[in-house]
Amino acid sequence: MSSCCSTPSRSPTSATSSAPSSRRWLPVAETVAPSSSSRTLAEVADLVRAKNAGPFWLTLDVFLPTDEAFERVAASAVTDPATIAALYRTPAEGIRVFRMPALKAIKISLPRPVVQGSFADRDMHSGQQHVPLAGIVVG
């Protein structure tokens, strides 16, 4: 599993690790106190990642382990442009959501706040932009 993903690892933590074995550090997810029946996207998905889609667009990818998980996430606030707009402080009109049931994947594309590589760009490869999305409670 990629180290840039916020999805919890399914492999056991090594004995030499100083991190707790029960969970990985997820700053956004920890701000939400999910009940036993609700889980964050990071806990449900196999992979949550962000990448550039050219210098002007950002894409967020969510890969789910089962058809049931895909249906649950696809029907949740994760795919609501208003939710994404609030998380990323961008107009909902510019957000595109693509649901791909055959792949058990959801792709969300939105305009980058600044052009990639510009002076104001704080994440040139958009590798950390998945964190707000990963913290959404799916239900």
N, C-alpha and C. Protein backbone atom coordinates (compact mmCIF):
# COMPACT_ATOMS: atom_id res chain seq x y z
N MET A 1 0.84 -1.18 0.00
CA MET A 1 0.00 0.00 0.00
C MET A 1 0.88 1.23 0.00
N SER A 2 0.49 2.22 -0.72
CA SER A 2 1.26 3.45 -0.85
C SER A 2 1.34 4.20 0.47
N SER A 3 2.48 4.81 0.71
CA SER A 3 2.65 5.56 1.95
C SER A 3 1.90 6.89 1.93
N CYS A 4 1.40 7.31 0.75
CA CYS A 4 0.70 8.58 0.68
C CYS A 4 -0.80 8.42 0.90
N CYS A 5 -1.22 7.25 1.23
CA CYS A 5 -2.64 6.98 1.42
C CYS A 5 -3.01 7.07 2.89
N SER A 6 -4.20 7.58 3.16
CA SER A 6 -4.64 7.69 4.55
C SER A 6 -5.44 6.48 4.99
N THR A 7 -5.63 5.54 4.10
CA THR A 7 -6.39 4.36 4.44
C THR A 7 -5.60 3.51 5.42
N PRO A 8 -6.23 3.02 6.49
CA PRO A 8 -5.51 2.21 7.46
C PRO A 8 -4.91 0.97 6.81
N SER A 9 -3.74 0.62 7.25
CA SER A 9 -3.06 -0.57 6.75
C SER A 9 -3.77 -1.81 7.26
N ARG A 10 -3.86 -2.82 6.43
CA ARG A 10 -4.47 -4.08 6.84
C ARG A 10 -3.42 -5.07 7.35
N SER A 11 -2.16 -4.67 7.30
CA SER A 11 -1.10 -5.55 7.79
C SER A 11 -0.79 -5.19 9.24
N PRO A 12 -0.32 -6.17 10.02
CA PRO A 12 0.00 -5.87 11.42
C PRO A 12 1.17 -4.92 11.53
N THR A 13 1.17 -4.10 12.58
CA THR A 13 2.26 -3.17 12.83
C THR A 13 3.43 -3.94 13.40
N SER A 14 4.63 -3.60 12.95
CA SER A 14 5.81 -4.31 13.45
C SER A 14 6.05 -3.97 14.92
N ALA A 15 6.74 -4.85 15.59
CA ALA A 15 7.01 -4.67 17.02
C ALA A 15 7.91 -3.49 17.29
N THR A 16 8.70 -3.08 16.28
CA THR A 16 9.62 -1.97 16.47
C THR A 16 8.97 -0.62 16.24
N SER A 17 7.75 -0.59 15.76
CA SER A 17 7.07 0.67 15.47
C SER A 17 6.64 1.34 16.77
N SER A 18 6.75 2.67 16.79
CA SER A 18 6.29 3.42 17.96
C SER A 18 4.82 3.80 17.84
N ALA A 19 4.21 3.57 16.66
CA ALA A 19 2.81 3.90 16.45
C ALA A 19 1.92 2.86 17.11
N PRO A 20 0.75 3.28 17.59
CA PRO A 20 -0.18 2.32 18.17
C PRO A 20 -0.57 1.28 17.12
N SER A 21 -0.73 0.04 17.53
CA SER A 21 -1.04 -1.02 16.58
C SER A 21 -2.50 -1.01 16.14
N SER A 22 -3.38 -0.32 16.86
CA SER A 22 -4.80 -0.35 16.55
C SER A 22 -5.22 0.60 15.44
N ARG A 23 -4.44 1.63 15.15
CA ARG A 23 -4.84 2.58 14.11
C ARG A 23 -3.63 3.39 13.65
N ARG A 24 -3.78 3.99 12.48
CA ARG A 24 -2.78 4.92 11.99
C ARG A 24 -3.23 6.33 12.32
N TRP A 25 -2.31 7.25 12.33
CA TRP A 25 -2.61 8.64 12.66
C TRP A 25 -3.41 9.28 11.54
N LEU A 26 -4.62 9.72 11.83
CA LEU A 26 -5.50 10.37 10.87
C LEU A 26 -6.06 11.64 11.50
N PRO A 27 -5.42 12.79 11.31
CA PRO A 27 -5.84 13.99 12.00
C PRO A 27 -7.28 14.40 11.73
N VAL A 28 -7.76 14.28 10.49
CA VAL A 28 -9.13 14.68 10.19
C VAL A 28 -10.11 13.67 10.78
N ALA A 29 -9.83 12.39 10.61
CA ALA A 29 -10.73 11.36 11.11
C ALA A 29 -10.85 11.41 12.63
N GLU A 30 -9.79 11.80 13.30
CA GLU A 30 -9.83 11.84 14.75
C GLU A 30 -10.67 13.00 15.28
N THR A 31 -10.96 13.98 14.46
CA THR A 31 -11.79 15.09 14.90
C THR A 31 -13.26 14.69 14.92
N VAL A 32 -13.58 13.58 14.26
CA VAL A 32 -14.94 13.06 14.23
C VAL A 32 -14.99 11.88 15.19
N ALA A 33 -16.01 11.82 16.02
CA ALA A 33 -16.14 10.70 16.95
C ALA A 33 -17.18 9.73 16.40
N PRO A 34 -16.77 8.83 15.49
CA PRO A 34 -17.75 7.94 14.90
C PRO A 34 -18.29 6.94 15.91
N SER A 35 -19.57 6.63 15.77
CA SER A 35 -20.16 5.61 16.63
C SER A 35 -19.73 4.24 16.12
N SER A 36 -20.12 3.20 16.81
CA SER A 36 -19.73 1.86 16.38
C SER A 36 -20.33 1.51 15.03
N SER A 37 -21.44 2.13 14.64
CA SER A 37 -22.07 1.83 13.36
C SER A 37 -21.59 2.74 12.24
N SER A 38 -20.91 3.83 12.55
CA SER A 38 -20.42 4.73 11.51
C SER A 38 -18.91 4.67 11.43
N ARG A 39 -18.41 4.75 10.21
CA ARG A 39 -16.97 4.69 9.99
C ARG A 39 -16.58 5.76 8.99
N THR A 40 -15.33 6.19 9.06
CA THR A 40 -14.85 7.18 8.11
C THR A 40 -14.54 6.51 6.78
N LEU A 41 -14.43 7.32 5.75
CA LEU A 41 -14.09 6.80 4.43
C LEU A 41 -12.74 6.08 4.47
N ALA A 42 -11.80 6.60 5.22
CA ALA A 42 -10.48 5.96 5.33
C ALA A 42 -10.59 4.55 5.90
N GLU A 43 -11.56 4.32 6.77
CA GLU A 43 -11.74 3.00 7.36
C GLU A 43 -12.48 2.04 6.43
N VAL A 44 -13.31 2.56 5.56
CA VAL A 44 -14.12 1.74 4.66
C VAL A 44 -13.37 1.40 3.37
N ALA A 45 -12.62 2.34 2.84
CA ALA A 45 -11.98 2.19 1.53
C ALA A 45 -10.68 1.40 1.59
N ASP A 46 -10.35 0.79 0.46
CA ASP A 46 -9.04 0.16 0.30
C ASP A 46 -7.98 1.23 0.08
N LEU A 47 -8.36 2.28 -0.65
CA LEU A 47 -7.40 3.33 -0.99
C LEU A 47 -8.14 4.65 -1.20
N VAL A 48 -7.62 5.70 -0.61
CA VAL A 48 -8.09 7.06 -0.83
C VAL A 48 -6.85 7.86 -1.21
N ARG A 49 -6.86 8.47 -2.39
CA ARG A 49 -5.67 9.20 -2.83
C ARG A 49 -6.06 10.45 -3.60
N ALA A 50 -5.10 11.35 -3.73
CA ALA A 50 -5.29 12.57 -4.51
C ALA A 50 -4.11 12.70 -5.46
N LYS A 51 -4.41 13.21 -6.65
CA LYS A 51 -3.36 13.40 -7.65
C LYS A 51 -3.73 14.63 -8.49
N ASN A 52 -2.73 15.14 -9.17
CA ASN A 52 -3.00 16.20 -10.14
C ASN A 52 -3.68 15.61 -11.36
N ALA A 53 -4.54 16.39 -11.96
CA ALA A 53 -5.14 16.05 -13.25
C ALA A 53 -4.81 17.22 -14.17
N GLY A 54 -3.52 17.43 -14.36
CA GLY A 54 -3.05 18.59 -15.10
C GLY A 54 -2.77 19.73 -14.13
N PRO A 55 -2.31 20.87 -14.62
CA PRO A 55 -1.93 21.97 -13.73
C PRO A 55 -3.11 22.72 -13.12
N PHE A 56 -4.31 22.48 -13.62
CA PHE A 56 -5.46 23.25 -13.17
C PHE A 56 -6.51 22.43 -12.41
N TRP A 57 -6.37 21.11 -12.39
CA TRP A 57 -7.37 20.23 -11.78
C TRP A 57 -6.73 19.28 -10.78
N LEU A 58 -7.50 18.90 -9.78
CA LEU A 58 -7.14 17.93 -8.76
C LEU A 58 -8.13 16.78 -8.87
N THR A 59 -7.66 15.56 -8.74
CA THR A 59 -8.57 14.42 -8.74
C THR A 59 -8.39 13.61 -7.46
N LEU A 60 -9.50 13.20 -6.89
CA LEU A 60 -9.53 12.38 -5.68
C LEU A 60 -10.07 11.02 -6.09
N ASP A 61 -9.36 9.96 -5.74
CA ASP A 61 -9.78 8.60 -6.09
C ASP A 61 -10.10 7.82 -4.82
N VAL A 62 -11.20 7.08 -4.87
CA VAL A 62 -11.60 6.22 -3.76
C VAL A 62 -11.83 4.83 -4.34
N PHE A 63 -11.10 3.85 -3.83
CA PHE A 63 -11.25 2.46 -4.27
C PHE A 63 -11.83 1.67 -3.11
N LEU A 64 -12.93 0.96 -3.36
CA LEU A 64 -13.65 0.23 -2.32
C LEU A 64 -13.42 -1.27 -2.47
N PRO A 65 -13.47 -2.01 -1.34
CA PRO A 65 -13.17 -3.44 -1.39
C PRO A 65 -14.31 -4.33 -1.91
N THR A 66 -15.56 -3.91 -1.74
CA THR A 66 -16.69 -4.75 -2.12
C THR A 66 -17.76 -3.91 -2.83
N ASP A 67 -18.66 -4.61 -3.51
CA ASP A 67 -19.78 -3.92 -4.15
C ASP A 67 -20.66 -3.23 -3.11
N GLU A 68 -20.86 -3.89 -1.97
CA GLU A 68 -21.66 -3.30 -0.89
C GLU A 68 -21.03 -2.00 -0.39
N ALA A 69 -19.72 -2.01 -0.19
CA ALA A 69 -19.03 -0.79 0.27
C ALA A 69 -19.13 0.30 -0.79
N PHE A 70 -19.01 -0.08 -2.06
CA PHE A 70 -19.13 0.90 -3.14
C PHE A 70 -20.51 1.55 -3.11
N GLU A 71 -21.56 0.74 -3.03
CA GLU A 71 -22.93 1.27 -3.02
C GLU A 71 -23.15 2.19 -1.83
N ARG A 72 -22.64 1.80 -0.68
CA ARG A 72 -22.80 2.61 0.54
C ARG A 72 -22.12 3.96 0.40
N VAL A 73 -20.89 3.96 -0.11
CA VAL A 73 -20.15 5.21 -0.26
C VAL A 73 -20.74 6.05 -1.39
N ALA A 74 -21.12 5.42 -2.50
CA ALA A 74 -21.68 6.15 -3.64
C ALA A 74 -22.98 6.86 -3.27
N ALA A 75 -23.70 6.33 -2.29
CA ALA A 75 -24.96 6.95 -1.86
C ALA A 75 -24.78 7.92 -0.70
N SER A 76 -23.55 8.09 -0.23
CA SER A 76 -23.29 8.94 0.94
C SER A 76 -22.90 10.36 0.54
N ALA A 77 -22.58 11.16 1.54
CA ALA A 77 -22.17 12.55 1.32
C ALA A 77 -20.85 12.65 0.58
N VAL A 78 -20.10 11.57 0.51
CA VAL A 78 -18.81 11.58 -0.20
C VAL A 78 -18.98 12.03 -1.64
N THR A 79 -20.09 11.65 -2.27
CA THR A 79 -20.29 11.98 -3.68
C THR A 79 -21.17 13.21 -3.89
N ASP A 80 -21.49 13.91 -2.85
CA ASP A 80 -22.31 15.12 -2.94
C ASP A 80 -21.41 16.33 -3.23
N PRO A 81 -21.58 16.98 -4.38
CA PRO A 81 -20.73 18.14 -4.69
C PRO A 81 -20.75 19.22 -3.62
N ALA A 82 -21.87 19.39 -2.92
CA ALA A 82 -21.93 20.40 -1.85
C ALA A 82 -20.99 20.05 -0.71
N THR A 83 -20.90 18.77 -0.37
CA THR A 83 -19.98 18.32 0.68
C THR A 83 -18.54 18.56 0.27
N ILE A 84 -18.21 18.17 -0.95
CA ILE A 84 -16.85 18.35 -1.47
C ILE A 84 -16.51 19.83 -1.54
N ALA A 85 -17.47 20.65 -1.98
CA ALA A 85 -17.26 22.09 -2.07
C ALA A 85 -16.93 22.68 -0.70
N ALA A 86 -17.63 22.24 0.33
CA ALA A 86 -17.37 22.73 1.69
C ALA A 86 -16.00 22.27 2.18
N LEU A 87 -15.63 21.03 1.91
CA LEU A 87 -14.33 20.51 2.35
C LEU A 87 -13.15 21.23 1.70
N TYR A 88 -13.30 21.50 0.40
CA TYR A 88 -12.18 22.05 -0.37
C TYR A 88 -12.34 23.53 -0.71
N ARG A 89 -13.37 24.15 -0.15
CA ARG A 89 -13.61 25.60 -0.32
C ARG A 89 -13.56 26.02 -1.80
N THR A 90 -14.39 25.35 -2.57
CA THR A 90 -14.49 25.62 -4.00
C THR A 90 -15.96 25.57 -4.41
N PRO A 91 -16.36 26.26 -5.45
CA PRO A 91 -17.77 26.22 -5.87
C PRO A 91 -18.20 24.81 -6.30
N ALA A 92 -19.38 24.40 -5.88
CA ALA A 92 -19.90 23.07 -6.20
C ALA A 92 -20.10 22.88 -7.70
N GLU A 93 -20.33 23.96 -8.41
CA GLU A 93 -20.58 23.86 -9.85
C GLU A 93 -19.38 23.31 -10.62
N GLY A 94 -18.18 23.48 -10.09
CA GLY A 94 -16.99 23.01 -10.78
C GLY A 94 -16.58 21.59 -10.44
N ILE A 95 -17.31 20.94 -9.55
CA ILE A 95 -16.93 19.59 -9.08
C ILE A 95 -17.60 18.54 -9.96
N ARG A 96 -16.81 17.55 -10.37
CA ARG A 96 -17.30 16.44 -11.18
C ARG A 96 -17.11 15.14 -10.40
N VAL A 97 -18.17 14.34 -10.31
CA VAL A 97 -18.12 13.07 -9.60
C VAL A 97 -18.39 11.95 -10.60
N PHE A 98 -17.49 10.97 -10.63
CA PHE A 98 -17.61 9.83 -11.52
C PHE A 98 -17.69 8.56 -10.68
N ARG A 99 -18.78 7.83 -10.82
CA ARG A 99 -18.96 6.56 -10.11
C ARG A 99 -18.70 5.43 -11.10
N MET A 100 -17.81 4.52 -10.75
CA MET A 100 -17.46 3.41 -11.64
C MET A 100 -17.70 2.09 -10.92
N PRO A 101 -18.95 1.57 -10.96
CA PRO A 101 -19.29 0.36 -10.21
C PRO A 101 -18.45 -0.86 -10.60
N ALA A 102 -18.13 -1.01 -11.87
CA ALA A 102 -17.35 -2.18 -12.31
C ALA A 102 -15.97 -2.21 -11.65
N LEU A 103 -15.43 -1.03 -11.36
CA LEU A 103 -14.12 -0.93 -10.71
C LEU A 103 -14.24 -0.76 -9.20
N LYS A 104 -15.45 -0.58 -8.70
CA LYS A 104 -15.70 -0.25 -7.29
C LYS A 104 -14.88 0.98 -6.91
N ALA A 105 -14.97 1.99 -7.76
CA ALA A 105 -14.18 3.21 -7.57
C ALA A 105 -15.03 4.45 -7.80
N ILE A 106 -14.64 5.52 -7.12
CA ILE A 106 -15.27 6.83 -7.28
C ILE A 106 -14.14 7.82 -7.54
N LYS A 107 -14.34 8.65 -8.55
CA LYS A 107 -13.35 9.69 -8.88
C LYS A 107 -14.05 11.03 -8.76
N ILE A 108 -13.40 11.95 -8.06
CA ILE A 108 -13.93 13.29 -7.88
C ILE A 108 -12.89 14.26 -8.42
N SER A 109 -13.29 15.10 -9.36
CA SER A 109 -12.38 16.09 -9.93
C SER A 109 -12.87 17.48 -9.60
N LEU A 110 -11.92 18.35 -9.25
CA LEU A 110 -12.26 19.73 -8.93
C LEU A 110 -11.11 20.65 -9.31
N PRO A 111 -11.41 21.92 -9.56
CA PRO A 111 -10.34 22.85 -9.91
C PRO A 111 -9.37 23.04 -8.75
N ARG A 112 -8.08 23.09 -9.07
CA ARG A 112 -7.07 23.39 -8.03
C ARG A 112 -7.26 24.83 -7.58
N PRO A 113 -6.99 25.14 -6.32
CA PRO A 113 -7.14 26.52 -5.85
C PRO A 113 -6.12 27.46 -6.48
N VAL A 114 -4.93 26.94 -6.79
CA VAL A 114 -3.91 27.72 -7.50
C VAL A 114 -3.29 26.80 -8.55
N VAL A 115 -2.68 27.39 -9.56
CA VAL A 115 -2.05 26.61 -10.62
C VAL A 115 -0.87 25.82 -10.05
N GLN A 116 -0.75 24.57 -10.49
CA GLN A 116 0.35 23.71 -10.02
C GLN A 116 1.70 24.37 -10.30
N GLY A 117 2.54 24.39 -9.27
CA GLY A 117 3.89 24.93 -9.42
C GLY A 117 3.98 26.44 -9.26
N SER A 118 2.84 27.10 -9.08
CA SER A 118 2.89 28.55 -8.90
C SER A 118 3.46 28.88 -7.52
N PHE A 119 3.78 30.13 -7.31
CA PHE A 119 4.38 30.56 -6.05
C PHE A 119 3.52 30.21 -4.85
N ALA A 120 2.21 30.29 -5.00
CA ALA A 120 1.29 30.03 -3.88
C ALA A 120 0.95 28.55 -3.70
N ASP A 121 1.45 27.67 -4.57
CA ASP A 121 1.15 26.24 -4.48
C ASP A 121 1.86 25.61 -3.30
N ARG A 122 1.09 25.04 -2.37
CA ARG A 122 1.66 24.44 -1.16
C ARG A 122 1.76 22.92 -1.25
N ASP A 123 1.20 22.32 -2.29
CA ASP A 123 1.25 20.87 -2.47
C ASP A 123 1.33 20.60 -3.97
N MET A 124 2.51 20.71 -4.51
CA MET A 124 2.70 20.69 -5.96
C MET A 124 2.13 19.45 -6.64
N HIS A 125 2.19 18.31 -5.99
CA HIS A 125 1.70 17.07 -6.60
C HIS A 125 0.31 16.68 -6.08
N SER A 126 -0.25 17.49 -5.22
CA SER A 126 -1.58 17.25 -4.62
C SER A 126 -1.64 15.95 -3.84
N GLY A 127 -0.52 15.45 -3.41
CA GLY A 127 -0.46 14.17 -2.71
C GLY A 127 -1.10 14.16 -1.34
N GLN A 128 -1.32 15.32 -0.73
CA GLN A 128 -1.90 15.38 0.61
C GLN A 128 -3.36 15.84 0.61
N GLN A 129 -3.92 16.06 -0.55
CA GLN A 129 -5.26 16.63 -0.62
C GLN A 129 -6.37 15.63 -0.34
N HIS A 130 -6.04 14.36 -0.17
CA HIS A 130 -7.05 13.34 0.14
C HIS A 130 -7.49 13.37 1.61
N VAL A 131 -6.72 14.01 2.47
CA VAL A 131 -6.96 13.92 3.91
C VAL A 131 -8.36 14.43 4.32
N PRO A 132 -8.84 15.58 3.86
CA PRO A 132 -10.20 16.00 4.26
C PRO A 132 -11.27 14.99 3.83
N LEU A 133 -11.13 14.45 2.63
CA LEU A 133 -12.11 13.48 2.13
C LEU A 133 -12.08 12.20 2.96
N ALA A 134 -10.90 11.75 3.34
CA ALA A 134 -10.76 10.50 4.10
C ALA A 134 -11.44 10.57 5.46
N GLY A 135 -11.62 11.76 6.00
CA GLY A 135 -12.23 11.91 7.32
C GLY A 135 -13.75 11.96 7.33
N ILE A 136 -14.38 11.94 6.17
CA ILE A 136 -15.85 11.99 6.12
C ILE A 136 -16.43 10.71 6.71
N VAL A 137 -17.43 10.86 7.56
CA VAL A 137 -18.13 9.69 8.11
C VAL A 137 -19.10 9.18 7.06
N VAL A 138 -18.97 7.90 6.74
CA VAL A 138 -19.79 7.30 5.68
C VAL A 138 -21.13 6.84 6.22
N GLY A 139 -21.19 6.36 7.42
CA GLY A 139 -22.48 5.99 7.99
C GLY A 139 -22.57 4.61 8.53
